[in-house]
């Protein structure tokens, strides 16, 4: 680590069901980082080792560069202290579902990281 991913461009399309076509919504060639279009996160998620750092997303030579590196610390400085939601409530269902999704994303990122490591050696 660190690992870098470079994107030459991104195109986003909308599907129009009535015409069965995809219509270009936008294309970004990354001449600069358009912060009106892209949100640079600076947060983390509870129970994960993921922390988004704005400095790890930047434009270089006409490419969007996303940098992934090992975090120095996974513990937030001032973690929120909230009571555990009651079983059977919507809040509890949302938390449980989020944990499952985060676990799935973490697994995919770890697999991606291992795959990238093989290509970078």
N, C-alpha and C. Protein backbone atom coordinates (compact mmCIF):
# COMPACT_ATOMS: atom_id res chain seq x y z
N UNK A 1 0.85 -1.17 0.00
CA UNK A 1 0.00 0.00 0.00
C UNK A 1 0.89 1.23 0.00
N UNK A 2 0.49 2.30 -0.49
CA UNK A 2 -0.84 2.66 -0.99
C UNK A 2 -1.07 2.11 -2.40
N UNK A 3 -2.37 2.05 -2.77
CA UNK A 3 -2.79 1.67 -4.10
C UNK A 3 -3.46 2.87 -4.75
N UNK A 4 -3.31 2.98 -6.06
CA UNK A 4 -3.89 4.09 -6.81
C UNK A 4 -4.74 3.54 -7.95
N UNK A 5 -5.87 4.17 -8.16
CA UNK A 5 -6.72 3.88 -9.31
C UNK A 5 -6.85 5.16 -10.12
N UNK A 6 -6.64 5.05 -11.43
CA UNK A 6 -6.70 6.21 -12.32
C UNK A 6 -7.89 6.07 -13.25
N UNK A 7 -8.67 7.14 -13.37
CA UNK A 7 -9.82 7.17 -14.28
C UNK A 7 -9.59 8.27 -15.30
N UNK A 8 -9.60 7.90 -16.58
CA UNK A 8 -9.43 8.85 -17.66
C UNK A 8 -10.68 9.72 -17.82
N UNK A 9 -11.85 9.11 -17.66
CA UNK A 9 -13.11 9.84 -17.75
C UNK A 9 -14.20 9.02 -17.07
N UNK A 10 -15.30 9.67 -16.80
CA UNK A 10 -16.50 9.00 -16.29
C UNK A 10 -17.68 9.52 -17.09
N UNK A 11 -18.51 8.58 -17.55
CA UNK A 11 -19.76 8.94 -18.21
C UNK A 11 -20.90 8.36 -17.39
N UNK A 12 -21.94 9.17 -17.20
CA UNK A 12 -23.13 8.71 -16.49
C UNK A 12 -24.31 8.82 -17.45
N UNK A 13 -25.12 7.77 -17.48
CA UNK A 13 -26.25 7.70 -18.38
C UNK A 13 -27.55 7.50 -17.61
N UNK A 14 -28.63 7.98 -18.18
CA UNK A 14 -29.97 7.72 -17.66
C UNK A 14 -30.66 6.78 -18.64
N UNK A 15 -31.36 5.81 -18.10
CA UNK A 15 -32.13 4.90 -18.94
C UNK A 15 -33.53 5.47 -19.12
N UNK A 16 -33.97 5.58 -20.38
CA UNK A 16 -35.31 6.07 -20.70
C UNK A 16 -36.13 4.84 -21.10
N UNK A 17 -37.00 4.43 -20.20
CA UNK A 17 -37.76 3.20 -20.42
C UNK A 17 -38.66 3.29 -21.65
N UNK A 18 -39.25 4.46 -21.89
CA UNK A 18 -40.20 4.60 -23.00
C UNK A 18 -39.54 4.41 -24.36
N UNK A 19 -38.26 4.76 -24.48
CA UNK A 19 -37.55 4.60 -25.75
C UNK A 19 -36.53 3.46 -25.72
N UNK A 20 -36.38 2.85 -24.54
CA UNK A 20 -35.43 1.76 -24.35
C UNK A 20 -34.01 2.20 -24.75
N UNK A 21 -33.67 3.43 -24.35
CA UNK A 21 -32.36 3.98 -24.69
C UNK A 21 -31.68 4.54 -23.44
N UNK A 22 -30.37 4.65 -23.54
CA UNK A 22 -29.59 5.34 -22.52
C UNK A 22 -29.22 6.70 -23.07
N UNK A 23 -29.41 7.73 -22.25
CA UNK A 23 -29.10 9.11 -22.65
C UNK A 23 -28.00 9.62 -21.74
N UNK A 24 -26.96 10.18 -22.36
CA UNK A 24 -25.82 10.69 -21.60
C UNK A 24 -26.27 11.82 -20.67
N UNK A 25 -26.02 11.66 -19.38
CA UNK A 25 -26.31 12.71 -18.40
C UNK A 25 -25.12 13.67 -18.32
N UNK A 26 -23.91 13.11 -18.19
CA UNK A 26 -22.72 13.95 -18.19
C UNK A 26 -21.49 13.09 -18.47
N UNK A 27 -20.43 13.77 -18.88
CA UNK A 27 -19.12 13.16 -19.05
C UNK A 27 -18.13 14.08 -18.37
N UNK A 28 -17.23 13.51 -17.60
CA UNK A 28 -16.18 14.29 -16.94
C UNK A 28 -14.85 13.74 -17.42
N UNK A 29 -14.06 14.60 -18.10
CA UNK A 29 -12.74 14.21 -18.60
C UNK A 29 -11.62 14.56 -17.63
N UNK A 30 -11.97 15.07 -16.48
CA UNK A 30 -11.05 15.37 -15.38
C UNK A 30 -9.92 16.31 -15.79
N UNK A 31 -10.31 17.39 -16.48
CA UNK A 31 -9.36 18.46 -16.71
C UNK A 31 -9.05 19.17 -15.40
N UNK A 32 -10.02 19.12 -14.50
CA UNK A 32 -9.87 19.63 -13.13
C UNK A 32 -10.87 18.86 -12.27
N UNK A 33 -10.74 18.95 -10.97
CA UNK A 33 -11.68 18.27 -10.08
C UNK A 33 -12.86 19.18 -9.83
N UNK A 34 -14.00 18.82 -10.39
CA UNK A 34 -15.22 19.61 -10.31
C UNK A 34 -15.94 19.30 -8.99
N UNK A 35 -15.70 20.11 -7.97
CA UNK A 35 -16.30 19.84 -6.66
C UNK A 35 -17.79 20.18 -6.62
N UNK A 36 -18.30 20.78 -7.69
CA UNK A 36 -19.75 20.95 -7.81
C UNK A 36 -20.41 19.62 -8.19
N UNK A 37 -19.66 18.76 -8.84
CA UNK A 37 -20.18 17.46 -9.29
C UNK A 37 -19.81 16.34 -8.31
N UNK A 38 -18.59 16.37 -7.81
CA UNK A 38 -18.07 15.29 -6.97
C UNK A 38 -17.96 15.75 -5.52
N UNK A 39 -18.38 14.89 -4.63
CA UNK A 39 -18.32 15.18 -3.20
C UNK A 39 -17.11 14.47 -2.61
N UNK A 40 -16.21 15.23 -2.01
CA UNK A 40 -15.04 14.64 -1.37
C UNK A 40 -15.36 14.39 0.09
N UNK A 41 -15.50 13.14 0.44
CA UNK A 41 -15.89 12.78 1.80
C UNK A 41 -14.74 12.91 2.78
N UNK A 42 -15.08 13.19 4.01
CA UNK A 42 -14.09 13.22 5.10
C UNK A 42 -14.73 12.62 6.34
N UNK A 43 -15.14 11.37 6.20
CA UNK A 43 -15.85 10.71 7.28
C UNK A 43 -15.48 9.23 7.31
N UNK A 44 -16.01 8.56 8.27
CA UNK A 44 -15.81 7.13 8.42
C UNK A 44 -17.14 6.51 8.76
N UNK A 45 -17.14 5.20 8.90
CA UNK A 45 -18.33 4.48 9.31
C UNK A 45 -18.01 3.67 10.55
N UNK A 46 -18.96 3.58 11.45
CA UNK A 46 -18.76 2.77 12.65
C UNK A 46 -18.53 1.32 12.24
N UNK A 47 -17.72 0.63 13.00
CA UNK A 47 -17.44 -0.80 12.82
C UNK A 47 -16.73 -1.12 11.51
N UNK A 48 -16.07 -0.15 10.88
CA UNK A 48 -15.29 -0.46 9.68
C UNK A 48 -13.93 0.20 9.80
N UNK A 49 -13.06 -0.18 8.90
CA UNK A 49 -11.74 0.45 8.88
C UNK A 49 -11.64 1.44 7.73
N UNK A 50 -12.77 1.90 7.21
CA UNK A 50 -12.80 2.82 6.09
C UNK A 50 -12.89 4.25 6.59
N UNK A 51 -11.99 5.10 6.09
CA UNK A 51 -12.04 6.52 6.37
C UNK A 51 -11.80 7.24 5.05
N UNK A 52 -12.70 8.14 4.70
CA UNK A 52 -12.56 8.90 3.47
C UNK A 52 -11.78 10.17 3.77
N UNK A 53 -10.77 10.44 2.94
CA UNK A 53 -9.90 11.59 3.13
C UNK A 53 -9.90 12.39 1.82
N UNK A 54 -10.31 13.66 1.86
CA UNK A 54 -10.37 14.44 0.61
C UNK A 54 -9.06 14.46 -0.17
N UNK A 55 -7.94 14.45 0.52
CA UNK A 55 -6.64 14.50 -0.16
C UNK A 55 -6.36 13.24 -0.98
N UNK A 56 -7.13 12.18 -0.76
CA UNK A 56 -6.90 10.93 -1.49
C UNK A 56 -7.70 10.83 -2.79
N UNK A 57 -8.32 11.92 -3.20
CA UNK A 57 -8.99 12.01 -4.50
C UNK A 57 -8.53 13.30 -5.15
N UNK A 58 -7.85 13.18 -6.29
CA UNK A 58 -7.32 14.36 -6.94
C UNK A 58 -7.16 14.10 -8.43
N UNK A 59 -6.91 15.16 -9.19
CA UNK A 59 -6.71 15.05 -10.63
C UNK A 59 -5.22 15.24 -10.93
N UNK A 60 -4.69 14.36 -11.78
CA UNK A 60 -3.30 14.45 -12.21
C UNK A 60 -3.21 14.03 -13.67
N UNK A 61 -2.63 14.87 -14.50
CA UNK A 61 -2.45 14.58 -15.93
C UNK A 61 -3.75 14.16 -16.61
N UNK A 62 -4.85 14.83 -16.28
CA UNK A 62 -6.13 14.54 -16.91
C UNK A 62 -6.80 13.27 -16.43
N UNK A 63 -6.35 12.73 -15.30
CA UNK A 63 -6.95 11.53 -14.72
C UNK A 63 -7.42 11.81 -13.31
N UNK A 64 -8.56 11.25 -12.95
CA UNK A 64 -8.97 11.23 -11.55
C UNK A 64 -8.16 10.14 -10.88
N UNK A 65 -7.52 10.47 -9.78
CA UNK A 65 -6.72 9.50 -9.04
C UNK A 65 -7.38 9.29 -7.69
N UNK A 66 -7.66 8.02 -7.38
CA UNK A 66 -8.18 7.64 -6.07
C UNK A 66 -7.11 6.83 -5.37
N UNK A 67 -6.73 7.29 -4.21
CA UNK A 67 -5.65 6.65 -3.45
C UNK A 67 -6.24 5.90 -2.27
N UNK A 68 -5.79 4.67 -2.08
CA UNK A 68 -6.21 3.87 -0.93
C UNK A 68 -4.96 3.54 -0.13
N UNK A 69 -5.00 3.85 1.14
CA UNK A 69 -3.86 3.57 1.99
C UNK A 69 -4.32 3.06 3.35
N UNK A 70 -3.43 2.44 4.04
CA UNK A 70 -3.75 1.91 5.35
C UNK A 70 -3.95 3.08 6.30
N UNK A 71 -5.03 3.02 7.07
CA UNK A 71 -5.33 4.10 8.02
C UNK A 71 -4.37 4.02 9.19
N UNK A 72 -4.08 5.18 9.75
CA UNK A 72 -3.22 5.23 10.93
C UNK A 72 -3.99 4.83 12.18
N UNK A 73 -5.26 5.17 12.18
CA UNK A 73 -6.11 4.83 13.33
C UNK A 73 -7.54 4.69 12.85
N UNK A 74 -8.21 3.66 13.31
CA UNK A 74 -9.60 3.44 12.91
C UNK A 74 -10.57 3.99 13.94
N UNK A 75 -10.08 4.50 15.03
CA UNK A 75 -10.94 4.99 16.10
C UNK A 75 -11.23 6.48 15.90
N UNK A 76 -12.48 6.88 15.84
CA UNK A 76 -12.78 8.31 15.76
C UNK A 76 -12.40 8.99 17.07
N UNK A 77 -12.05 10.27 16.96
CA UNK A 77 -11.63 11.01 18.16
C UNK A 77 -12.77 11.18 19.16
N UNK A 78 -13.95 11.49 18.69
CA UNK A 78 -15.11 11.69 19.56
C UNK A 78 -16.27 10.86 19.05
N UNK A 79 -16.25 9.55 19.31
CA UNK A 79 -17.32 8.72 18.77
C UNK A 79 -18.66 9.09 19.39
N UNK A 80 -19.72 9.07 18.56
CA UNK A 80 -21.04 9.37 19.11
C UNK A 80 -21.49 8.24 20.03
N UNK A 81 -22.13 8.60 21.11
CA UNK A 81 -22.62 7.59 22.06
C UNK A 81 -24.14 7.64 22.02
N UNK A 82 -24.72 6.63 21.41
CA UNK A 82 -26.17 6.53 21.29
C UNK A 82 -26.60 5.19 21.84
N UNK A 83 -27.76 5.14 22.44
CA UNK A 83 -28.24 3.83 22.92
C UNK A 83 -28.56 2.92 21.74
N UNK A 84 -28.39 1.62 21.95
CA UNK A 84 -28.74 0.63 20.93
C UNK A 84 -30.25 0.69 20.69
N UNK A 85 -30.72 0.72 19.44
CA UNK A 85 -32.15 0.76 19.17
C UNK A 85 -32.85 -0.51 19.68
N UNK A 86 -34.09 -0.37 19.99
CA UNK A 86 -34.89 -1.49 20.48
C UNK A 86 -35.13 -2.49 19.36
N UNK A 87 -35.07 -3.80 19.66
CA UNK A 87 -35.38 -4.82 18.64
C UNK A 87 -36.78 -4.61 18.07
N UNK A 88 -36.92 -4.87 16.77
CA UNK A 88 -38.21 -4.75 16.12
C UNK A 88 -38.54 -3.35 15.63
N UNK A 89 -37.63 -2.39 15.86
CA UNK A 89 -37.89 -1.02 15.40
C UNK A 89 -37.24 -0.80 14.03
N UNK A 90 -37.70 0.23 13.34
CA UNK A 90 -37.11 0.58 12.06
C UNK A 90 -35.64 0.94 12.22
N UNK A 91 -35.29 1.67 13.27
CA UNK A 91 -33.89 2.03 13.50
C UNK A 91 -33.01 0.79 13.62
N UNK A 92 -33.47 -0.21 14.34
CA UNK A 92 -32.71 -1.45 14.51
C UNK A 92 -32.55 -2.16 13.16
N UNK A 93 -33.61 -2.20 12.35
CA UNK A 93 -33.55 -2.83 11.04
C UNK A 93 -32.56 -2.10 10.13
N UNK A 94 -32.56 -0.77 10.19
CA UNK A 94 -31.64 0.01 9.36
C UNK A 94 -30.20 -0.26 9.78
N UNK A 95 -29.94 -0.29 11.07
CA UNK A 95 -28.58 -0.54 11.55
C UNK A 95 -28.12 -1.93 11.14
N UNK A 96 -28.97 -2.94 11.33
CA UNK A 96 -28.60 -4.30 10.97
C UNK A 96 -28.33 -4.43 9.47
N UNK A 97 -29.19 -3.82 8.65
CA UNK A 97 -29.00 -3.87 7.20
C UNK A 97 -27.73 -3.15 6.79
N UNK A 98 -27.47 -2.00 7.40
CA UNK A 98 -26.26 -1.24 7.10
C UNK A 98 -25.02 -2.06 7.43
N UNK A 99 -25.02 -2.76 8.55
CA UNK A 99 -23.87 -3.59 8.92
C UNK A 99 -23.63 -4.69 7.89
N UNK A 100 -24.70 -5.29 7.39
CA UNK A 100 -24.56 -6.33 6.37
C UNK A 100 -23.97 -5.74 5.10
N UNK A 101 -24.50 -4.60 4.67
CA UNK A 101 -24.01 -3.96 3.44
C UNK A 101 -22.55 -3.53 3.61
N UNK A 102 -22.21 -2.96 4.74
CA UNK A 102 -20.83 -2.54 4.98
C UNK A 102 -19.90 -3.76 4.95
N UNK A 103 -20.33 -4.85 5.53
CA UNK A 103 -19.51 -6.07 5.50
C UNK A 103 -19.31 -6.55 4.07
N UNK A 104 -20.36 -6.48 3.27
CA UNK A 104 -20.24 -6.89 1.87
C UNK A 104 -19.29 -5.97 1.11
N UNK A 105 -19.40 -4.66 1.33
CA UNK A 105 -18.52 -3.70 0.66
C UNK A 105 -17.09 -3.91 1.13
N UNK A 106 -16.90 -4.13 2.42
CA UNK A 106 -15.55 -4.36 2.95
C UNK A 106 -14.92 -5.58 2.28
N UNK A 107 -15.69 -6.66 2.15
CA UNK A 107 -15.19 -7.87 1.50
C UNK A 107 -14.79 -7.59 0.07
N UNK A 108 -15.63 -6.84 -0.65
CA UNK A 108 -15.31 -6.50 -2.05
C UNK A 108 -14.06 -5.63 -2.13
N UNK A 109 -13.92 -4.67 -1.23
CA UNK A 109 -12.73 -3.81 -1.24
C UNK A 109 -11.47 -4.60 -0.89
N UNK A 110 -11.58 -5.52 0.04
CA UNK A 110 -10.42 -6.35 0.38
C UNK A 110 -10.03 -7.23 -0.81
N UNK A 111 -11.03 -7.81 -1.49
CA UNK A 111 -10.74 -8.61 -2.69
C UNK A 111 -10.10 -7.76 -3.78
N UNK A 112 -10.63 -6.55 -3.96
CA UNK A 112 -10.08 -5.63 -4.96
C UNK A 112 -8.64 -5.28 -4.59
N UNK A 113 -8.41 -5.00 -3.32
CA UNK A 113 -7.08 -4.64 -2.86
C UNK A 113 -6.09 -5.77 -3.11
N UNK A 114 -6.48 -7.00 -2.82
CA UNK A 114 -5.60 -8.14 -3.06
C UNK A 114 -5.34 -8.32 -4.55
N UNK A 115 -6.37 -8.13 -5.36
CA UNK A 115 -6.22 -8.25 -6.80
C UNK A 115 -5.28 -7.18 -7.33
N UNK A 116 -5.45 -5.95 -6.86
CA UNK A 116 -4.58 -4.85 -7.29
C UNK A 116 -3.14 -5.10 -6.86
N UNK A 117 -2.95 -5.66 -5.68
CA UNK A 117 -1.61 -5.92 -5.18
C UNK A 117 -0.87 -6.88 -6.12
N UNK A 118 -1.58 -7.87 -6.63
CA UNK A 118 -0.96 -8.81 -7.57
C UNK A 118 -0.53 -8.12 -8.85
N UNK A 119 -1.33 -7.17 -9.31
CA UNK A 119 -1.02 -6.46 -10.56
C UNK A 119 0.11 -5.44 -10.38
N UNK A 120 0.29 -4.97 -9.17
CA UNK A 120 1.30 -3.94 -8.95
C UNK A 120 2.66 -4.51 -8.59
N UNK A 121 2.74 -5.79 -8.39
CA UNK A 121 4.03 -6.40 -8.02
C UNK A 121 4.89 -6.63 -9.22
